[in-house]
Amino acid sequence: MLIRYKKSFEKIAMGLLSFMPEEKDVKKLLQTIKEYETNENWQLYLWKEEDILGAIGIRINDNQEAVIQHITVNPSHRNSGIGKKMVEEVKQQLGSKYSVCSNTNTEAFVTRCES
């Protein structure tokens, strides 16, 4: 189930986002989390089953696009379809208001989810 990020999930979200290559640097990671907390156009969702297993970050831009800019799954739960479920649920939730697309960092993964 996809749930909206809140401050109480900060450490979990940072841990998940740190698996993304461009978020390895702690300073960059802190900036990213701060952006999700303060910018209303940046929305972070967490995938929860019994535990929180994944995160997907969206940036809403001016031309009604919801750009998937982060997507990550706990390494011990990869290859079980969680990433694909997150993409599908984001499209289901936002697809009526926005065109959901990817950026260069998430393009390859999102394309694999669609095939």
PDB file of N, CA and C in Angstrom:
ATOM      1  N   MET A   1       0.844  -1.175   0.000  1.00  0.00           N
ATOM      2  CA  MET A   1       0.000   0.000   0.000  1.00  0.00           C
ATOM      3  C   MET A   1       0.888   1.236   0.000  1.00  0.00           C
ATOM      4  N   LEU A   2       0.528   2.207  -0.806  1.00  0.00           N
ATOM      5  CA  LEU A   2       1.266   3.457  -0.912  1.00  0.00           C
ATOM      6  C   LEU A   2       0.763   4.435   0.137  1.00  0.00           C
ATOM      7  N   ILE A   3       1.682   4.967   0.947  1.00  0.00           N
ATOM      8  CA  ILE A   3       1.305   5.958   1.958  1.00  0.00           C
ATOM      9  C   ILE A   3       2.146   7.217   1.745  1.00  0.00           C
ATOM     10  N   ARG A   4       1.601   8.349   2.110  1.00  0.00           N
ATOM     11  CA  ARG A   4       2.300   9.627   1.951  1.00  0.00           C
ATOM     12  C   ARG A   4       3.375   9.764   3.021  1.00  0.00           C
ATOM     13  N   TYR A   5       4.528  10.271   2.637  1.00  0.00           N
ATOM     14  CA  TYR A   5       5.636  10.504   3.565  1.00  0.00           C
ATOM     15  C   TYR A   5       5.227  11.525   4.619  1.00  0.00           C
ATOM     16  N   LYS A   6       5.666  11.292   5.848  1.00  0.00           N
ATOM     17  CA  LYS A   6       5.560  12.296   6.900  1.00  0.00           C
ATOM     18  C   LYS A   6       6.858  12.275   7.701  1.00  0.00           C
ATOM     19  N   LYS A   7       7.098  13.330   8.429  1.00  0.00           N
ATOM     20  CA  LYS A   7       8.372  13.539   9.134  1.00  0.00           C
ATOM     21  C   LYS A   7       8.760  12.351  10.012  1.00  0.00           C
ATOM     22  N   SER A   8       7.791  11.666  10.606  1.00  0.00           N
ATOM     23  CA  SER A   8       8.117  10.533  11.484  1.00  0.00           C
ATOM     24  C   SER A   8       8.768   9.372  10.724  1.00  0.00           C
ATOM     25  N   PHE A   9       8.672   9.372   9.386  1.00  0.00           N
ATOM     26  CA  PHE A   9       9.298   8.338   8.558  1.00  0.00           C
ATOM     27  C   PHE A   9      10.640   8.783   7.981  1.00  0.00           C
ATOM     28  N   GLU A  10      11.185   9.895   8.478  1.00  0.00           N
ATOM     29  CA  GLU A  10      12.378  10.488   7.876  1.00  0.00           C
ATOM     30  C   GLU A  10      13.555   9.513   7.775  1.00  0.00           C
ATOM     31  N   LYS A  11      13.893   8.845   8.849  1.00  0.00           N
ATOM     32  CA  LYS A  11      15.057   7.948   8.832  1.00  0.00           C
ATOM     33  C   LYS A  11      14.857   6.785   7.861  1.00  0.00           C
ATOM     34  N   ILE A  12      13.661   6.227   7.834  1.00  0.00           N
ATOM     35  CA  ILE A  12      13.357   5.128   6.913  1.00  0.00           C
ATOM     36  C   ILE A  12      13.458   5.622   5.467  1.00  0.00           C
ATOM     37  N   ALA A  13      12.869   6.791   5.191  1.00  0.00           N
ATOM     38  CA  ALA A  13      12.898   7.344   3.838  1.00  0.00           C
ATOM     39  C   ALA A  13      14.326   7.648   3.407  1.00  0.00           C
ATOM     40  N   MET A  14      15.117   8.216   4.307  1.00  0.00           N
ATOM     41  CA  MET A  14      16.511   8.514   3.968  1.00  0.00           C
ATOM     42  C   MET A  14      17.284   7.226   3.689  1.00  0.00           C
ATOM     43  N   GLY A  15      17.039   6.204   4.481  1.00  0.00           N
ATOM     44  CA  GLY A  15      17.697   4.923   4.248  1.00  0.00           C
ATOM     45  C   GLY A  15      17.361   4.359   2.888  1.00  0.00           C
ATOM     46  N   LEU A  16      16.084   4.412   2.516  1.00  0.00           N
ATOM     47  CA  LEU A  16      15.670   3.897   1.214  1.00  0.00           C
ATOM     48  C   LEU A  16      16.244   4.734   0.073  1.00  0.00           C
ATOM     49  N   LEU A  17      16.156   6.056   0.191  1.00  0.00           N
ATOM     50  CA  LEU A  17      16.669   6.925  -0.870  1.00  0.00           C
ATOM     51  C   LEU A  17      18.182   6.797  -1.030  1.00  0.00           C
ATOM     52  N   SER A  18      18.878   6.437   0.045  1.00  0.00           N
ATOM     53  CA  SER A  18      20.334   6.317  -0.040  1.00  0.00           C
ATOM     54  C   SER A  18      20.773   5.170  -0.948  1.00  0.00           C
ATOM     55  N   PHE A  19      19.859   4.267  -1.299  1.00  0.00           N
ATOM     56  CA  PHE A  19      20.187   3.191  -2.240  1.00  0.00           C
ATOM     57  C   PHE A  19      20.285   3.694  -3.677  1.00  0.00           C
ATOM     58  N   MET A  20      19.766   4.903  -3.937  1.00  0.00           N
ATOM     59  CA  MET A  20      19.844   5.467  -5.291  1.00  0.00           C
ATOM     60  C   MET A  20      21.234   6.065  -5.494  1.00  0.00           C
ATOM     61  N   PRO A  21      21.869   5.786  -6.619  1.00  0.00           N
ATOM     62  CA  PRO A  21      23.250   6.238  -6.852  1.00  0.00           C
ATOM     63  C   PRO A  21      23.458   7.744  -6.644  1.00  0.00           C
ATOM     64  N   GLU A  22      22.504   8.565  -7.093  1.00  0.00           N
ATOM     65  CA  GLU A  22      22.693  10.016  -6.988  1.00  0.00           C
ATOM     66  C   GLU A  22      22.410  10.551  -5.580  1.00  0.00           C
ATOM     67  N   GLU A  23      21.985   9.687  -4.674  1.00  0.00           N
ATOM     68  CA  GLU A  23      21.677  10.113  -3.303  1.00  0.00           C
ATOM     69  C   GLU A  23      22.650   9.520  -2.280  1.00  0.00           C
ATOM     70  N   LYS A  24      23.804   9.071  -2.707  1.00  0.00           N
ATOM     71  CA  LYS A  24      24.779   8.457  -1.797  1.00  0.00           C
ATOM     72  C   LYS A  24      25.369   9.460  -0.809  1.00  0.00           C
ATOM     73  N   ASP A  25      25.578  10.697  -1.241  1.00  0.00           N
ATOM     74  CA  ASP A  25      26.169  11.723  -0.402  1.00  0.00           C
ATOM     75  C   ASP A  25      25.142  12.189   0.649  1.00  0.00           C
ATOM     76  N   VAL A  26      25.535  12.187   1.911  1.00  0.00           N
ATOM     77  CA  VAL A  26      24.614  12.524   3.001  1.00  0.00           C
ATOM     78  C   VAL A  26      24.077  13.941   2.860  1.00  0.00           C
ATOM     79  N   LYS A  27      24.926  14.869   2.451  1.00  0.00           N
ATOM     80  CA  LYS A  27      24.491  16.262   2.285  1.00  0.00           C
ATOM     81  C   LYS A  27      23.396  16.357   1.217  1.00  0.00           C
ATOM     82  N   LYS A  28      23.596  15.669   0.109  1.00  0.00           N
ATOM     83  CA  LYS A  28      22.607  15.647  -0.987  1.00  0.00           C
ATOM     84  C   LYS A  28      21.316  14.982  -0.518  1.00  0.00           C
ATOM     85  N   LEU A  29      21.447  13.906   0.219  1.00  0.00           N
ATOM     86  CA  LEU A  29      20.287  13.176   0.736  1.00  0.00           C
ATOM     87  C   LEU A  29      19.457  14.060   1.676  1.00  0.00           C
ATOM     88  N   LEU A  30      20.115  14.798   2.544  1.00  0.00           N
ATOM     89  CA  LEU A  30      19.413  15.705   3.458  1.00  0.00           C
ATOM     90  C   LEU A  30      18.684  16.807   2.692  1.00  0.00           C
ATOM     91  N   GLN A  31      19.309  17.317   1.618  1.00  0.00           N
ATOM     92  CA  GLN A  31      18.663  18.332   0.783  1.00  0.00           C
ATOM     93  C   GLN A  31      17.411  17.766   0.109  1.00  0.00           C
ATOM     94  N   THR A  32      17.522  16.530  -0.365  1.00  0.00           N
ATOM     95  CA  THR A  32      16.388  15.890  -1.035  1.00  0.00           C
ATOM     96  C   THR A  32      15.220  15.706  -0.077  1.00  0.00           C
ATOM     97  N   ILE A  33      15.490  15.188   1.117  1.00  0.00           N
ATOM     98  CA  ILE A  33      14.422  15.001   2.109  1.00  0.00           C
ATOM     99  C   ILE A  33      13.796  16.342   2.476  1.00  0.00           C
ATOM    100  N   LYS A  34      14.616  17.364   2.670  1.00  0.00           N
ATOM    101  CA  LYS A  34      14.105  18.696   3.011  1.00  0.00           C
ATOM    102  C   LYS A  34      13.184  19.211   1.900  1.00  0.00           C
ATOM    103  N   GLU A  35      13.577  18.954   0.651  1.00  0.00           N
ATOM    104  CA  GLU A  35      12.751  19.389  -0.483  1.00  0.00           C
ATOM    105  C   GLU A  35      11.385  18.693  -0.451  1.00  0.00           C
ATOM    106  N   TYR A  36      11.374  17.393  -0.158  1.00  0.00           N
ATOM    107  CA  TYR A  36      10.097  16.671  -0.062  1.00  0.00           C
ATOM    108  C   TYR A  36       9.242  17.191   1.094  1.00  0.00           C
ATOM    109  N   GLU A  37       9.880  17.654   2.149  1.00  0.00           N
ATOM    110  CA  GLU A  37       9.137  18.146   3.309  1.00  0.00           C
ATOM    111  C   GLU A  37       8.601  19.563   3.117  1.00  0.00           C
ATOM    112  N   THR A  38       9.277  20.375   2.307  1.00  0.00           N
ATOM    113  CA  THR A  38       8.915  21.791   2.221  1.00  0.00           C
ATOM    114  C   THR A  38       8.297  22.226   0.890  1.00  0.00           C
ATOM    115  N   ASN A  39       8.551  21.510  -0.182  1.00  0.00           N
ATOM    116  CA  ASN A  39       8.074  21.912  -1.503  1.00  0.00           C
ATOM    117  C   ASN A  39       6.789  21.136  -1.825  1.00  0.00           C
ATOM    118  N   GLU A  40       5.696  21.857  -1.981  1.00  0.00           N
ATOM    119  CA  GLU A  40       4.416  21.174  -2.232  1.00  0.00           C
ATOM    120  C   GLU A  40       4.369  20.460  -3.578  1.00  0.00           C
ATOM    121  N   ASN A  41       5.278  20.801  -4.485  1.00  0.00           N
ATOM    122  CA  ASN A  41       5.334  20.126  -5.786  1.00  0.00           C
ATOM    123  C   ASN A  41       6.158  18.842  -5.751  1.00  0.00           C
ATOM    124  N   TRP A  42       6.807  18.569  -4.638  1.00  0.00           N
ATOM    125  CA  TRP A  42       7.563  17.336  -4.459  1.00  0.00           C
ATOM    126  C   TRP A  42       6.771  16.453  -3.506  1.00  0.00           C
ATOM    127  N   GLN A  43       6.444  15.255  -3.940  1.00  0.00           N
ATOM    128  CA  GLN A  43       5.647  14.345  -3.114  1.00  0.00           C
ATOM    129  C   GLN A  43       6.378  13.012  -2.994  1.00  0.00           C
ATOM    130  N   LEU A  44       6.566  12.575  -1.756  1.00  0.00           N
ATOM    131  CA  LEU A  44       7.237  11.311  -1.501  1.00  0.00           C
ATOM    132  C   LEU A  44       6.226  10.332  -0.927  1.00  0.00           C
ATOM    133  N   TYR A  45       6.205   9.138  -1.499  1.00  0.00           N
ATOM    134  CA  TYR A  45       5.316   8.079  -1.026  1.00  0.00           C
ATOM    135  C   TYR A  45       6.161   6.887  -0.607  1.00  0.00           C
ATOM    136  N   LEU A  46       5.679   6.168   0.372  1.00  0.00           N
ATOM    137  CA  LEU A  46       6.369   4.976   0.862  1.00  0.00           C
ATOM    138  C   LEU A  46       5.485   3.769   0.617  1.00  0.00           C
ATOM    139  N   TRP A  47       6.103   2.640   0.307  1.00  0.00           N
ATOM    140  CA  TRP A  47       5.359   1.394   0.093  1.00  0.00           C
ATOM    141  C   TRP A  47       5.399   0.590   1.383  1.00  0.00           C
ATOM    142  N   LYS A  48       4.218   0.346   1.935  1.00  0.00           N
ATOM    143  CA  LYS A  48       4.142  -0.368   3.203  1.00  0.00           C
ATOM    144  C   LYS A  48       3.365  -1.658   3.033  1.00  0.00           C
ATOM    145  N   GLU A  49       3.983  -2.728   3.474  1.00  0.00           N
ATOM    146  CA  GLU A  49       3.286  -3.999   3.620  1.00  0.00           C
ATOM    147  C   GLU A  49       3.242  -4.203   5.130  1.00  0.00           C
ATOM    148  N   GLU A  50       3.992  -5.130   5.700  1.00  0.00           N
ATOM    149  CA  GLU A  50       4.114  -5.153   7.155  1.00  0.00           C
ATOM    150  C   GLU A  50       5.109  -4.091   7.599  1.00  0.00           C
ATOM    151  N   ASP A  51       6.160  -3.907   6.811  1.00  0.00           N
ATOM    152  CA  ASP A  51       7.163  -2.867   7.035  1.00  0.00           C
ATOM    153  C   ASP A  51       7.179  -1.956   5.821  1.00  0.00           C
ATOM    154  N   ILE A  52       7.880  -0.845   5.935  1.00  0.00           N
ATOM    155  CA  ILE A  52       8.065   0.042   4.789  1.00  0.00           C
ATOM    156  C   ILE A  52       9.208  -0.525   3.959  1.00  0.00           C
ATOM    157  N   LEU A  53       8.915  -0.845   2.692  1.00  0.00           N
ATOM    158  CA  LEU A  53       9.859  -1.558   1.839  1.00  0.00           C
ATOM    159  C   LEU A  53      10.379  -0.745   0.666  1.00  0.00           C
ATOM    160  N   GLY A  54       9.714   0.355   0.348  1.00  0.00           N
ATOM    161  CA  GLY A  54      10.123   1.122  -0.823  1.00  0.00           C
ATOM    162  C   GLY A  54       9.685   2.564  -0.733  1.00  0.00           C
ATOM    163  N   ALA A  55      10.214   3.375  -1.656  1.00  0.00           N
ATOM    164  CA  ALA A  55       9.862   4.790  -1.731  1.00  0.00           C
ATOM    165  C   ALA A  55       9.813   5.210  -3.189  1.00  0.00           C
ATOM    166  N   ILE A  56       8.892   6.129  -3.471  1.00  0.00           N
ATOM    167  CA  ILE A  56       8.789   6.688  -4.812  1.00  0.00           C
ATOM    168  C   ILE A  56       8.533   8.182  -4.660  1.00  0.00           C
ATOM    169  N   GLY A  57       9.353   8.977  -5.345  1.00  0.00           N
ATOM    170  CA  GLY A  57       9.259  10.424  -5.246  1.00  0.00           C
ATOM    171  C   GLY A  57       8.823  11.038  -6.560  1.00  0.00           C
ATOM    172  N   ILE A  58       7.877  11.953  -6.468  1.00  0.00           N
ATOM    173  CA  ILE A  58       7.268  12.589  -7.631  1.00  0.00           C
ATOM    174  C   ILE A  58       7.499  14.098  -7.551  1.00  0.00           C
ATOM    175  N   ARG A  59       7.761  14.705  -8.696  1.00  0.00           N
ATOM    176  CA  ARG A  59       7.819  16.166  -8.781  1.00  0.00           C
ATOM    177  C   ARG A  59       6.764  16.609  -9.782  1.00  0.00           C
ATOM    178  N   ILE A  60       5.868  17.472  -9.339  1.00  0.00           N
ATOM    179  CA  ILE A  60       4.825  17.998 -10.218  1.00  0.00           C
ATOM    180  C   ILE A  60       5.398  19.237 -10.897  1.00  0.00           C
ATOM    181  N   ASN A  61       5.373  19.268 -12.231  1.00  0.00           N
ATOM    182  CA  ASN A  61       5.889  20.458 -12.914  1.00  0.00           C
ATOM    183  C   ASN A  61       4.762  21.258 -13.548  1.00  0.00           C
ATOM    184  N   ASP A  62       5.107  22.389 -14.138  1.00  0.00           N
ATOM    185  CA  ASP A  62       4.116  23.353 -14.622  1.00  0.00           C
ATOM    186  C   ASP A  62       3.218  22.842 -15.737  1.00  0.00           C
ATOM    187  N   ASN A  63       3.707  21.905 -16.535  1.00  0.00           N
ATOM    188  CA  ASN A  63       2.875  21.436 -17.638  1.00  0.00           C
ATOM    189  C   ASN A  63       2.137  20.144 -17.296  1.00  0.00           C
ATOM    190  N   GLN A  64       1.650  20.087 -16.056  1.00  0.00           N
ATOM    191  CA  GLN A  64       0.773  19.001 -15.605  1.00  0.00           C
ATOM    192  C   GLN A  64       1.397  17.619 -15.731  1.00  0.00           C
ATOM    193  N   GLU A  65       2.702  17.540 -15.502  1.00  0.00           N
ATOM    194  CA  GLU A  65       3.385  16.253 -15.487  1.00  0.00           C
ATOM    195  C   GLU A  65       3.778  15.908 -14.059  1.00  0.00           C
ATOM    196  N   ALA A  66       3.615  14.638 -13.724  1.00  0.00           N
ATOM    197  CA  ALA A  66       4.114  14.098 -12.458  1.00  0.00           C
ATOM    198  C   ALA A  66       5.335  13.265 -12.828  1.00  0.00           C
ATOM    199  N   VAL A  67       6.512  13.791 -12.520  1.00  0.00           N
ATOM    200  CA  VAL A  67       7.761  13.157 -12.928  1.00  0.00           C
ATOM    201  C   VAL A  67       8.268  12.271 -11.795  1.00  0.00           C
ATOM    202  N   ILE A  68       8.419  10.981 -12.084  1.00  0.00           N
ATOM    203  CA  ILE A  68       8.992  10.061 -11.097  1.00  0.00           C
ATOM    204  C   ILE A  68      10.484  10.339 -11.061  1.00  0.00           C
ATOM    205  N   GLN A  69      10.949  10.925  -9.950  1.00  0.00           N
ATOM    206  CA  GLN A  69      12.361  11.291  -9.872  1.00  0.00           C
ATOM    207  C   GLN A  69      13.152  10.392  -8.939  1.00  0.00           C
ATOM    208  N   HIS A  70      12.490   9.667  -8.078  1.00  0.00           N
ATOM    209  CA  HIS A  70      13.153   8.685  -7.208  1.00  0.00           C
ATOM    210  C   HIS A  70      12.283   7.440  -7.142  1.00  0.00           C
ATOM    211  N   ILE A  71      12.899   6.291  -7.179  1.00  0.00           N
ATOM    212  CA  ILE A  71      12.191   5.035  -6.913  1.00  0.00           C
ATOM    213  C   ILE A  71      13.223   4.049  -6.380  1.00  0.00           C
ATOM    214  N   THR A  72      12.904   3.467  -5.243  1.00  0.00           N
ATOM    215  CA  THR A  72      13.853   2.579  -4.586  1.00  0.00           C
ATOM    216  C   THR A  72      13.119   1.548  -3.734  1.00  0.00           C
ATOM    217  N   VAL A  73      13.712   0.375  -3.653  1.00  0.00           N
ATOM    218  CA  VAL A  73      13.155  -0.722  -2.861  1.00  0.00           C
ATOM    219  C   VAL A  73      14.281  -1.279  -1.996  1.00  0.00           C
ATOM    220  N   ASN A  74      13.948  -1.636  -0.782  1.00  0.00           N
ATOM    221  CA  ASN A  74      14.909  -2.285   0.115  1.00  0.00           C
ATOM    222  C   ASN A  74      15.540  -3.458  -0.635  1.00  0.00           C
ATOM    223  N   PRO A  75      16.883  -3.545  -0.661  1.00  0.00           N
ATOM    224  CA  PRO A  75      17.552  -4.598  -1.444  1.00  0.00           C
ATOM    225  C   PRO A  75      17.087  -6.022  -1.128  1.00  0.00           C
ATOM    226  N   SER A  76      16.713  -6.295   0.104  1.00  0.00           N
ATOM    227  CA  SER A  76      16.289  -7.657   0.432  1.00  0.00           C
ATOM    228  C   SER A  76      14.883  -7.973  -0.081  1.00  0.00           C
ATOM    229  N   HIS A  77      14.191  -6.966  -0.648  1.00  0.00           N
ATOM    230  CA  HIS A  77      12.846  -7.182  -1.190  1.00  0.00           C
ATOM    231  C   HIS A  77      12.768  -6.859  -2.677  1.00  0.00           C
ATOM    232  N   ARG A  78      13.922  -6.720  -3.317  1.00  0.00           N
ATOM    233  CA  ARG A  78      13.928  -6.420  -4.752  1.00  0.00           C
ATOM    234  C   ARG A  78      13.536  -7.661  -5.558  1.00  0.00           C
ATOM    235  N   ASN A  79      13.146  -7.417  -6.787  1.00  0.00           N
ATOM    236  CA  ASN A  79      12.722  -8.468  -7.726  1.00  0.00           C
ATOM    237  C   ASN A  79      11.477  -9.205  -7.260  1.00  0.00           C
ATOM    238  N   SER A  80      10.648  -8.523  -6.467  1.00  0.00           N
ATOM    239  CA  SER A  80       9.380  -9.133  -6.044  1.00  0.00           C
ATOM    240  C   SER A  80       8.185  -8.297  -6.509  1.00  0.00           C
ATOM    241  N   GLY A  81       8.420  -7.333  -7.397  1.00  0.00           N
ATOM    242  CA  GLY A  81       7.333  -6.561  -7.989  1.00  0.00           C
ATOM    243  C   GLY A  81       6.926  -5.311  -7.235  1.00  0.00           C
ATOM    244  N   ILE A  82       7.628  -4.967  -6.160  1.00  0.00           N
ATOM    245  CA  ILE A  82       7.241  -3.797  -5.363  1.00  0.00           C
ATOM    246  C   ILE A  82       7.409  -2.507  -6.168  1.00  0.00           C
ATOM    247  N   GLY A  83       8.517  -2.365  -6.865  1.00  0.00           N
ATOM    248  CA  GLY A  83       8.745  -1.165  -7.673  1.00  0.00           C
ATOM    249  C   GLY A  83       7.653  -0.978  -8.713  1.00  0.00           C
ATOM    250  N   LYS A  84       7.302  -2.060  -9.384  1.00  0.00           N
ATOM    251  CA  LYS A  84       6.236  -2.007 -10.393  1.00  0.00           C
ATOM    252  C   LYS A  84       4.900  -1.629  -9.751  1.00  0.00           C
ATOM    253  N   LYS A  85       4.613  -2.188  -8.577  1.00  0.00           N
ATOM    254  CA  LYS A  85       3.371  -1.844  -7.869  1.00  0.00           C
ATOM    255  C   LYS A  85       3.339  -0.361  -7.514  1.00  0.00           C
ATOM    256  N   MET A  86       4.492   0.190  -7.088  1.00  0.00           N
ATOM    257  CA  MET A  86       4.537   1.613  -6.742  1.00  0.00           C
ATOM    258  C   MET A  86       4.255   2.480  -7.965  1.00  0.00           C
ATOM    259  N   VAL A  87       4.875   2.139  -9.090  1.00  0.00           N
ATOM    260  CA  VAL A  87       4.650   2.904 -10.322  1.00  0.00           C
ATOM    261  C   VAL A  87       3.179   2.825 -10.724  1.00  0.00           C
ATOM    262  N   GLU A  88       2.605   1.632 -10.698  1.00  0.00           N
ATOM    263  CA  GLU A  88       1.198   1.457 -11.079  1.00  0.00           C
ATOM    264  C   GLU A  88       0.271   2.248 -10.160  1.00  0.00           C
ATOM    265  N   GLU A  89       0.534   2.215  -8.857  1.00  0.00           N
ATOM    266  CA  GLU A  89      -0.349   2.916  -7.921  1.00  0.00           C
ATOM    267  C   GLU A  89      -0.228   4.432  -8.066  1.00  0.00           C
ATOM    268  N   VAL A  90       0.984   4.928  -8.308  1.00  0.00           N
ATOM    269  CA  VAL A  90       1.151   6.369  -8.540  1.00  0.00           C
ATOM    270  C   VAL A  90       0.380   6.771  -9.789  1.00  0.00           C
ATOM    271  N   LYS A  91       0.478   5.967 -10.831  1.00  0.00           N
ATOM    272  CA  LYS A  91      -0.262   6.276 -12.065  1.00  0.00           C
ATOM    273  C   LYS A  91      -1.768   6.248 -11.813  1.00  0.00           C
ATOM    274  N   GLN A  92      -2.206   5.308 -11.000  1.00  0.00           N
ATOM    275  CA  GLN A  92      -3.628   5.210 -10.693  1.00  0.00           C
ATOM    276  C   GLN A  92      -4.088   6.427  -9.883  1.00  0.00           C
ATOM    277  N   GLN A  93      -3.294   6.849  -8.908  1.00  0.00           N
ATOM    278  CA  GLN A  93      -3.678   7.970  -8.055  1.00  0.00           C
ATOM    279  C   GLN A  93      -3.565   9.320  -8.758  1.00  0.00           C
ATOM    280  N   LEU A  94      -2.518   9.509  -9.553  1.00  0.00           N
ATOM    281  CA  LEU A  94      -2.252  10.816 -10.148  1.00  0.00           C
ATOM    282  C   LEU A  94      -2.612  10.910 -11.619  1.00  0.00           C
ATOM    283  N   GLY A  95      -2.814   9.769 -12.256  1.00  0.00           N
ATOM    284  CA  GLY A  95      -3.016   9.723 -13.704  1.00  0.00           C
ATOM    285  C   GLY A  95      -4.201  10.484 -14.225  1.00  0.00           C
ATOM    286  N   SER A  96      -5.215  10.718 -13.394  1.00  0.00           N
ATOM    287  CA  SER A  96      -6.374  11.469 -13.873  1.00  0.00           C
ATOM    288  C   SER A  96      -6.086  12.978 -13.897  1.00  0.00           C
ATOM    289  N   LYS A  97      -5.166  13.428 -13.033  1.00  0.00           N
ATOM    290  CA  LYS A  97      -4.843  14.860 -12.979  1.00  0.00           C
ATOM    291  C   LYS A  97      -3.564  15.207 -13.724  1.00  0.00           C
ATOM    292  N   TYR A  98      -2.638  14.254 -13.784  1.00  0.00           N
ATOM    293  CA  TYR A  98      -1.321  14.529 -14.344  1.00  0.00           C
ATOM    294  C   TYR A  98      -0.895  13.421 -15.299  1.00  0.00           C
ATOM    295  N   SER A  99      -0.022  13.787 -16.201  1.00  0.00           N
ATOM    296  CA  SER A  99       0.629  12.803 -17.046  1.00  0.00           C
ATOM    297  C   SER A  99       1.854  12.308 -16.272  1.00  0.00           C
ATOM    298  N   VAL A 100       1.883  11.031 -15.924  1.00  0.00           N
ATOM    299  CA  VAL A 100       2.985  10.473 -15.140  1.00  0.00           C
ATOM    300  C   VAL A 100       4.094  10.038 -16.085  1.00  0.00           C
ATOM    301  N   CYS A 101       5.316  10.515 -15.819  1.00  0.00           N
ATOM    302  CA  CYS A 101       6.465  10.171 -16.650  1.00  0.00           C
ATOM    303  C   CYS A 101       7.697   9.996 -15.763  1.00  0.00           C
ATOM    304  N   SER A 102       8.824   9.714 -16.370  1.00  0.00           N
ATOM    305  CA  SER A 102      10.060   9.489 -15.618  1.00  0.00           C
ATOM    306  C   SER A 102      11.091  10.554 -15.989  1.00  0.00           C
ATOM    307  N   ASN A 103      12.177  10.590 -15.214  1.00  0.00           N
ATOM    308  CA  ASN A 103      13.313  11.431 -15.581  1.00  0.00           C
ATOM    309  C   ASN A 103      14.450  10.514 -16.033  1.00  0.00           C
ATOM    310  N   THR A 104      15.622  11.067 -16.291  1.00  0.00           N
ATOM    311  CA  THR A 104      16.719  10.238 -16.796  1.00  0.00           C
ATOM    312  C   THR A 104      17.178   9.196 -15.778  1.00  0.00           C
ATOM    313  N   ASN A 105      17.046   9.502 -14.482  1.00  0.00           N
ATOM    314  CA  ASN A 105      17.468   8.557 -13.445  1.00  0.00           C
ATOM    315  C   ASN A 105      16.506   7.375 -13.292  1.00  0.00           C
ATOM    316  N   THR A 106      15.234   7.593 -13.593  1.00  0.00           N
ATOM    317  CA  THR A 106      14.242   6.539 -13.368  1.00  0.00           C
ATOM    318  C   THR A 106      13.680   5.947 -14.655  1.00  0.00           C
ATOM    319  N   GLU A 107      14.085   6.495 -15.783  1.00  0.00           N
ATOM    320  CA  GLU A 107      13.507   6.095 -17.075  1.00  0.00           C
ATOM    321  C   GLU A 107      13.625   4.597 -17.372  1.00  0.00           C
ATOM    322  N   ALA A 108      14.802   4.033 -17.202  1.00  0.00           N
ATOM    323  CA  ALA A 108      15.002   2.629 -17.529  1.00  0.00           C
ATOM    324  C   ALA A 108      14.095   1.734 -16.676  1.00  0.00           C
ATOM    325  N   PHE A 109      14.001   2.038 -15.382  1.00  0.00           N
ATOM    326  CA  PHE A 109      13.174   1.213 -14.505  1.00  0.00           C
ATOM    327  C   PHE A 109      11.697   1.367 -14.858  1.00  0.00           C
ATOM    328  N   VAL A 110      11.235   2.590 -15.041  1.00  0.00           N
ATOM    329  CA  VAL A 110       9.812   2.820 -15.352  1.00  0.00           C
ATOM    330  C   VAL A 110       9.460   2.162 -16.681  1.00  0.00           C
ATOM    331  N   THR A 111      10.338   2.226 -17.650  1.00  0.00           N
ATOM    332  CA  THR A 111      10.095   1.571 -18.944  1.00  0.00           C
ATOM    333  C   THR A 111       9.947   0.056 -18.767  1.00  0.00           C
ATOM    334  N   ARG A 112      10.813  -0.547 -17.941  1.00  0.00           N
ATOM    335  CA  ARG A 112      10.689  -1.997 -17.674  1.00  0.00           C
ATOM    336  C   ARG A 112       9.364  -2.322 -16.991  1.00  0.00           C
ATOM    337  N   CYS A 113       8.890  -1.432 -16.136  1.00  0.00           N
ATOM    338  CA  CYS A 113       7.613  -1.671 -15.436  1.00  0.00           C
ATOM    339  C   CYS A 113       6.448  -1.677 -16.406  1.00  0.00           C
ATOM    340  N   GLU A 114       6.554  -0.908 -17.457  1.00  0.00           N
ATOM    341  CA  GLU A 114       5.448  -0.779 -18.410  1.00  0.00           C
ATOM    342  C   GLU A 114       5.396  -1.916 -19.422  1.00  0.00           C
ATOM    343  N   SER A 115       6.450  -2.713 -19.500  1.00  0.00           N
ATOM    344  CA  SER A 115       6.447  -3.787 -20.508  1.00  0.00           C
ATOM    345  C   SER A 115       6.000  -5.098 -19.909  1.00  0.00           C
TER     346      SER A 115
END
